[in-house]
Amino acid sequence: MKLGAILAAALAALLGTTAAHAQPATQSAADYPSKPIRIIGGFAAGGTGGNIMVRMISDWLGRKWNQSIVVENMPGGGSLIGTQYVKRAAPDGYTLLFGFDSLAMFNIFLKNPDIDVQRDLTPISYFSHYPLMVIASAGQPYKTMPEFVAYAKANPGKINFAMQPNTPSHLFSALLANRLGVDWQMIPYTGSAPMNLSMLTGETHVTLAPYGTRAADIKEGKLIPLAILDERRSALAPDVPSLKEQGTDIAALNWYGLFGPAGLPKPITDKLSAAIQEMVKDPAVIDQANKMSLDLIGSTPEFMAKTLATDLKVRAEAGKIAKIQPE
């Protein structure tokens, strides 16, 4: 089933449910939190990166405030179900959303998603991201991004670019080809495992992938990192140049952030943000993040809002270039 259809079905199911949106009781930031907090994760329970991260946050905040922080998984529609739930929650700081970059793609795949994330959510903190890389299969006649671009321009249509339809790899591979002015064959795969196998065998030549999922093959020389799709290098792979420093200004990250409903009082927003900024400096948290090949950020609400606005714009452009039709 196409992602657009899945999102549409999820939206239809959600509209058949209701969530109370009572006016929040007056409370100062000094008294917050005075009762359990729920953090909604728009993904299935299990060992996914998002699930591990949100439970890191709940455990750390729970210890800091000596309060129960409960994670509730609401999978469905690429996180649409959970996001819609938080949208309708009372803006009192007791229902939060651990969201990710899918928030910037609702309007790409749905004609009427019934949500405007900039209007309906309060950004709290940009927690972390996985660096997205341009990666080449070994044995190709290029080892750097400039060499790859030169080869692609000299051999139009001869590069097989591995991607998964209706995912960031699809969106950003189309955007990258457009910005670089090159032509390659988009080869679709139904999952990351067969896509990675195609890269290891040389069936496909280039792909986009989070560094952590390909780190072992990169270290063994089976895959070659060409660029980080960001404005700056990643601490996880400091020797890999950013795309921007090589002349192409595209920031494409798998990011995670904490949000509340629209109208979340600023003192509570700032208190939550300050706690996340403190958390990402904890050596135990840093150690866990390193094991996950994760770049910790821990930002202000303003930085999260700016990142979301930029990502919405970039992904909308990519969706048009990729000719994705909302359903």
Protein backbone atom coordinates (compact mmCIF):
# COMPACT_ATOMS: atom_id res chain seq x y z
CA MET A 1 0.00 0.00 0.00
CA LYS A 2 1.31 3.47 -0.85
CA LEU A 3 2.30 5.72 2.04
CA GLY A 4 -0.30 8.29 0.98
CA ALA A 5 -3.06 5.69 1.24
CA ILE A 6 -1.77 4.55 4.64
CA LEU A 7 -1.77 8.13 5.88
CA ALA A 8 -5.27 8.72 4.53
CA ALA A 9 -6.56 5.60 6.27
CA ALA A 10 -4.90 6.63 9.49
CA LEU A 11 -6.44 10.08 9.26
CA ALA A 12 -9.90 8.61 8.67
CA ALA A 13 -9.50 6.40 11.73
CA LEU A 14 -8.31 9.30 13.81
CA LEU A 15 -11.22 11.54 12.88
CA GLY A 16 -13.50 8.93 14.37
CA THR A 17 -11.89 9.45 17.77
CA THR A 18 -11.82 12.40 20.14
CA ALA A 19 -9.41 13.67 22.75
CA ALA A 20 -10.31 16.04 25.52
CA HIS A 21 -8.93 19.55 25.11
CA ALA A 22 -9.74 21.13 28.42
CA GLN A 23 -8.32 24.46 29.47
CA PRO A 24 -5.11 23.89 31.46
CA ALA A 25 -5.14 24.66 35.15
CA THR A 26 -3.08 27.64 36.19
CA GLN A 27 0.36 26.46 37.26
CA SER A 28 3.73 28.13 37.59
CA ALA A 29 6.84 26.63 36.06
CA ALA A 30 8.25 26.24 39.56
CA ASP A 31 5.44 23.78 40.43
CA TYR A 32 5.74 21.86 37.15
CA PRO A 33 5.48 18.91 36.98
CA SER A 34 3.12 18.12 39.82
CA LYS A 35 1.66 14.96 38.27
CA PRO A 36 2.67 12.30 35.70
CA ILE A 37 3.62 13.42 32.19
CA ARG A 38 2.73 11.42 29.07
CA ILE A 39 5.09 11.49 26.10
CA ILE A 40 3.44 10.25 22.90
CA GLY A 41 5.66 8.43 20.43
CA GLY A 42 4.26 8.10 16.92
CA PHE A 43 5.95 4.76 16.32
CA ALA A 44 5.47 1.16 17.41
CA ALA A 45 6.89 -0.09 20.68
CA GLY A 46 10.12 -2.01 20.30
CA GLY A 47 13.78 -1.47 19.61
CA THR A 48 13.60 1.36 17.09
CA GLY A 49 15.89 4.34 17.52
CA GLY A 50 12.98 6.66 18.25
CA ASN A 51 11.63 4.32 20.89
CA ILE A 52 15.01 4.05 22.61
CA MET A 53 15.45 7.82 22.59
CA VAL A 54 12.03 8.69 24.00
CA ARG A 55 12.54 6.21 26.84
CA MET A 56 15.95 7.75 27.53
CA ILE A 57 14.19 11.08 27.89
CA SER A 58 11.39 9.72 30.08
CA ASP A 59 13.84 7.94 32.41
CA TRP A 60 16.15 10.95 32.70
CA LEU A 61 13.38 13.50 33.31
CA GLY A 62 11.68 11.12 35.73
CA ARG A 63 14.82 10.95 37.84
CA LYS A 64 15.44 14.68 37.61
CA TRP A 65 11.95 15.68 38.73
CA ASN A 66 11.12 12.60 40.83
CA GLN A 67 7.96 12.26 38.78
CA SER A 68 6.42 9.56 36.62
CA ILE A 69 7.07 10.14 32.89
CA VAL A 70 5.04 7.63 30.87
CA VAL A 71 5.76 6.80 27.22
CA GLU A 72 2.71 5.90 25.18
CA ASN A 73 3.19 4.55 21.66
CA MET A 74 0.60 5.62 19.08
CA PRO A 75 1.86 4.23 15.76
CA GLY A 76 0.13 4.82 12.47
CA GLY A 77 0.21 7.05 9.42
CA GLY A 78 3.88 7.91 9.67
CA SER A 79 3.30 9.39 13.18
CA LEU A 80 0.09 11.18 12.14
CA ILE A 81 -2.04 9.42 14.78
CA GLY A 82 0.17 10.45 17.67
CA THR A 83 0.65 13.97 16.33
CA GLN A 84 -3.09 14.50 15.96
CA TYR A 85 -3.63 13.27 19.50
CA VAL A 86 -1.17 15.76 20.95
CA LYS A 87 -2.67 18.54 18.82
CA ARG A 88 -5.97 18.00 20.64
CA ALA A 89 -4.48 17.67 24.12
CA ALA A 90 -4.64 20.36 26.78
CA PRO A 91 -1.61 22.70 26.54
CA ASP A 92 -0.58 22.19 30.15
CA GLY A 93 2.71 20.31 29.71
CA TYR A 94 1.32 16.91 30.70
CA THR A 95 0.88 15.57 27.17
CA LEU A 96 3.94 15.90 24.95
CA LEU A 97 5.01 14.54 21.56
CA PHE A 98 8.34 12.98 20.72
CA GLY A 99 8.22 13.73 17.01
CA PHE A 100 10.57 13.18 14.11
CA ASP A 101 11.08 14.39 10.57
CA SER A 102 7.87 12.73 9.37
CA LEU A 103 6.16 15.86 10.76
CA ALA A 104 7.57 17.72 7.76
CA MET A 105 6.03 15.30 5.23
CA PHE A 106 2.30 15.16 6.01
CA ASN A 107 1.42 17.76 3.37
CA ILE A 108 3.56 16.02 0.76
CA PHE A 109 1.58 12.77 0.90
CA LEU A 110 -1.88 13.96 2.00
CA LYS A 111 -4.16 16.47 0.30
CA ASN A 112 -5.93 17.32 3.54
CA PRO A 113 -3.95 16.08 6.54
CA ASP A 114 -6.01 18.23 8.95
CA ILE A 115 -2.89 19.43 10.71
CA ASP A 116 -0.47 22.32 10.40
CA VAL A 117 2.49 21.39 12.58
CA GLN A 118 3.70 24.99 12.85
CA ARG A 119 0.26 26.15 13.98
CA ASP A 120 -0.83 23.13 16.03
CA LEU A 121 2.35 22.27 17.95
CA THR A 122 4.73 24.10 20.28
CA PRO A 123 8.40 23.29 19.58
CA ILE A 124 10.32 22.52 22.78
CA SER A 125 13.72 21.13 21.83
CA TYR A 126 15.58 19.59 18.90
CA PHE A 127 16.84 16.48 20.67
CA SER A 128 19.04 14.69 18.14
CA HIS A 129 19.55 13.53 14.58
CA TYR A 130 21.06 10.80 12.50
CA PRO A 131 23.42 12.25 9.86
CA LEU A 132 22.24 11.37 6.35
CA MET A 133 25.09 10.57 3.94
CA VAL A 134 25.66 10.24 0.22
CA ILE A 135 27.27 6.80 0.04
CA ALA A 136 28.88 5.05 -2.95
CA SER A 137 29.48 1.35 -3.46
CA ALA A 138 33.13 0.29 -3.47
CA GLY A 139 34.95 -0.13 -6.77
CA GLN A 140 33.42 2.87 -8.50
CA PRO A 141 35.60 5.36 -10.43
CA TYR A 142 34.94 8.09 -7.83
CA LYS A 143 35.96 8.40 -4.18
CA THR A 144 34.87 11.98 -3.47
CA MET A 145 31.76 14.05 -4.10
CA PRO A 146 33.41 16.24 -6.80
CA GLU A 147 34.62 13.10 -8.61
CA PHE A 148 31.13 11.61 -8.38
CA VAL A 149 29.46 14.74 -9.77
CA ALA A 150 31.96 14.92 -12.64
CA TYR A 151 31.38 11.25 -13.48
CA ALA A 152 27.60 11.61 -13.30
CA LYS A 153 27.62 14.60 -15.65
CA ALA A 154 29.91 12.79 -18.10
CA ASN A 155 27.77 9.61 -17.96
CA PRO A 156 24.11 10.67 -17.82
CA GLY A 157 21.72 7.88 -16.89
CA LYS A 158 24.46 5.36 -16.11
CA ILE A 159 24.40 5.65 -12.32
CA ASN A 160 21.89 3.50 -10.44
CA PHE A 161 20.69 5.38 -7.36
CA ALA A 162 19.13 3.11 -4.72
CA MET A 163 16.13 4.49 -2.84
CA GLN A 164 12.91 3.55 -1.06
CA PRO A 165 9.78 5.14 -2.57
CA ASN A 166 8.00 7.80 -0.50
CA THR A 167 10.79 8.09 2.05
CA PRO A 168 13.49 10.70 2.71
CA SER A 169 15.85 8.74 0.44
CA HIS A 170 13.34 9.22 -2.39
CA LEU A 171 12.73 12.90 -1.71
CA PHE A 172 16.34 13.92 -1.23
CA SER A 173 17.79 11.84 -4.06
CA ALA A 174 15.44 13.69 -6.43
CA LEU A 175 16.37 17.02 -4.87
CA LEU A 176 20.07 16.20 -5.00
CA ALA A 177 19.95 15.28 -8.69
CA ASN A 178 18.13 18.54 -9.41
CA ARG A 179 20.57 20.70 -7.46
CA LEU A 180 23.64 18.97 -8.94
CA GLY A 181 22.25 19.04 -12.47
CA VAL A 182 22.79 15.32 -13.07
CA ASP A 183 20.68 12.46 -14.39
CA TRP A 184 20.67 9.02 -12.78
CA GLN A 185 18.41 5.97 -12.68
CA MET A 186 16.26 5.80 -9.54
CA ILE A 187 16.13 2.14 -8.47
CA PRO A 188 13.32 1.51 -5.93
CA TYR A 189 13.57 -1.03 -3.10
CA THR A 190 10.94 -2.12 -0.60
CA GLY A 191 13.28 -2.06 2.41
CA SER A 192 16.69 -1.00 3.65
CA ALA A 193 18.09 -4.58 3.73
CA PRO A 194 17.69 -5.32 0.00
CA MET A 195 18.78 -1.78 -0.81
CA ASN A 196 21.98 -2.21 1.19
CA LEU A 197 22.63 -5.61 -0.41
CA SER A 198 22.35 -4.01 -3.85
CA MET A 199 25.00 -1.49 -2.83
CA LEU A 200 27.36 -4.17 -1.49
CA THR A 201 27.06 -6.21 -4.70
CA GLY A 202 27.45 -3.18 -6.96
CA GLU A 203 23.99 -3.58 -8.49
CA THR A 204 23.42 0.01 -7.45
CA HIS A 205 26.12 2.63 -7.21
CA VAL A 206 24.99 5.39 -4.85
CA THR A 207 22.40 5.86 -2.11
CA LEU A 208 21.42 8.07 0.81
CA ALA A 209 21.44 6.49 4.27
CA PRO A 210 21.97 7.36 7.94
CA TYR A 211 25.62 6.91 8.84
CA GLY A 212 24.86 4.57 11.73
CA THR A 213 23.10 2.00 9.56
CA ARG A 214 26.11 1.73 7.24
CA ALA A 215 28.98 2.46 9.65
CA ALA A 216 30.33 -1.11 9.76
CA ASP A 217 30.44 -1.43 5.96
CA ILE A 218 32.04 2.02 5.68
CA LYS A 219 34.76 1.11 8.20
CA GLU A 220 35.47 -2.11 6.27
CA GLY A 221 35.77 -0.21 2.98
CA LYS A 222 32.72 -1.88 1.42
CA LEU A 223 30.94 1.47 1.08
CA ILE A 224 32.46 4.91 0.49
CA PRO A 225 31.01 8.04 2.21
CA LEU A 226 30.99 11.02 -0.15
CA ALA A 227 29.21 13.74 1.83
CA ILE A 228 27.09 14.57 4.86
CA LEU A 229 23.79 16.13 3.80
CA ASP A 230 24.09 19.02 6.22
CA GLU A 231 25.63 22.44 6.68
CA ARG A 232 28.34 21.02 8.93
CA ARG A 233 30.26 17.81 9.46
CA SER A 234 29.12 15.14 11.87
CA ALA A 235 31.05 14.36 15.05
CA LEU A 236 30.45 10.70 14.21
CA ALA A 237 32.36 10.96 10.93
CA PRO A 238 34.47 14.12 11.12
CA ASP A 239 36.55 13.23 8.05
CA VAL A 240 33.50 13.26 5.75
CA PRO A 241 32.90 16.73 4.26
CA SER A 242 29.46 18.30 4.45
CA LEU A 243 27.57 18.81 1.23
CA LYS A 244 27.50 22.56 1.83
CA GLU A 245 31.28 22.88 2.08
CA GLN A 246 31.42 21.10 -1.29
CA GLY A 247 29.17 23.67 -2.92
CA THR A 248 25.63 22.26 -2.59
CA ASP A 249 23.40 23.71 0.11
CA ILE A 250 21.08 20.88 1.17
CA ALA A 251 20.40 20.01 4.80
CA ALA A 252 18.71 16.60 5.06
CA LEU A 253 18.58 14.98 8.46
CA ASN A 254 16.62 12.29 10.25
CA TRP A 255 15.83 14.46 13.27
CA TYR A 256 13.95 13.97 16.54
CA GLY A 257 12.40 16.62 18.74
CA LEU A 258 10.11 17.27 21.67
CA PHE A 259 6.85 19.16 21.13
CA GLY A 260 3.73 20.15 23.03
CA PRO A 261 0.29 21.26 21.87
CA ALA A 262 -0.11 24.81 20.55
CA GLY A 263 -0.44 27.30 23.37
CA LEU A 264 1.96 25.57 25.75
CA PRO A 265 2.92 28.30 28.26
CA LYS A 266 6.41 29.68 27.64
CA PRO A 267 7.66 29.13 31.22
CA ILE A 268 6.83 25.40 30.95
CA THR A 269 8.23 25.22 27.41
CA ASP A 270 11.47 26.81 28.58
CA LYS A 271 11.72 24.54 31.63
CA LEU A 272 11.34 21.43 29.47
CA SER A 273 13.85 22.76 26.94
CA ALA A 274 16.38 23.58 29.65
CA ALA A 275 16.06 20.04 31.02
CA ILE A 276 16.74 18.52 27.57
CA GLN A 277 19.75 20.82 27.12
CA GLU A 278 21.06 19.59 30.47
CA MET A 279 20.32 15.97 29.60
CA VAL A 280 22.41 15.90 26.41
CA LYS A 281 25.49 16.87 28.46
CA ASP A 282 25.12 13.85 30.74
CA PRO A 283 28.07 11.46 30.09
CA ALA A 284 25.79 8.41 30.35
CA VAL A 285 23.43 9.88 27.74
CA ILE A 286 26.35 10.77 25.48
CA ASP A 287 27.68 7.23 25.77
CA GLN A 288 24.30 5.77 24.81
CA ALA A 289 24.03 8.17 21.86
CA ASN A 290 27.48 7.18 20.60
CA LYS A 291 26.43 3.53 20.64
CA MET A 292 23.43 4.49 18.49
CA SER A 293 25.54 6.59 16.05
CA LEU A 294 23.41 9.53 17.08
CA ASP A 295 24.31 13.22 17.10
CA LEU A 296 22.85 14.87 20.23
CA ILE A 297 21.74 18.50 19.90
CA GLY A 298 19.50 19.60 22.79
CA SER A 299 18.31 22.98 21.54
CA THR A 300 16.21 25.96 22.47
CA PRO A 301 12.55 26.09 21.36
CA GLU A 302 13.52 28.75 18.83
CA PHE A 303 16.10 26.48 17.18
CA MET A 304 13.58 23.64 16.93
CA ALA A 305 11.03 25.99 15.37
CA LYS A 306 13.59 27.25 12.84
CA THR A 307 14.69 23.73 11.93
CA LEU A 308 11.09 22.62 11.41
CA ALA A 309 10.33 25.62 9.20
CA THR A 310 13.41 24.97 7.06
CA ASP A 311 12.70 21.25 6.78
CA LEU A 312 9.09 21.87 5.73
CA LYS A 313 10.30 24.12 2.93
CA VAL A 314 13.07 21.80 1.73
CA ARG A 315 10.87 18.67 1.75
CA ALA A 316 8.04 20.46 -0.03
CA GLU A 317 10.47 21.41 -2.81
CA ALA A 318 11.78 17.84 -2.92
CA GLY A 319 8.25 16.43 -3.12
CA LYS A 320 7.49 18.58 -6.17
CA ILE A 321 10.75 17.60 -7.88
CA ALA A 322 10.05 13.91 -7.13
CA LYS A 323 6.52 14.42 -8.57
CA ILE A 324 4.81 12.89 -5.55
CA GLN A 325 1.04 13.21 -5.78
CA PRO A 326 -0.79 13.73 -2.44
CA GLU A 327 -3.65 11.31 -1.88
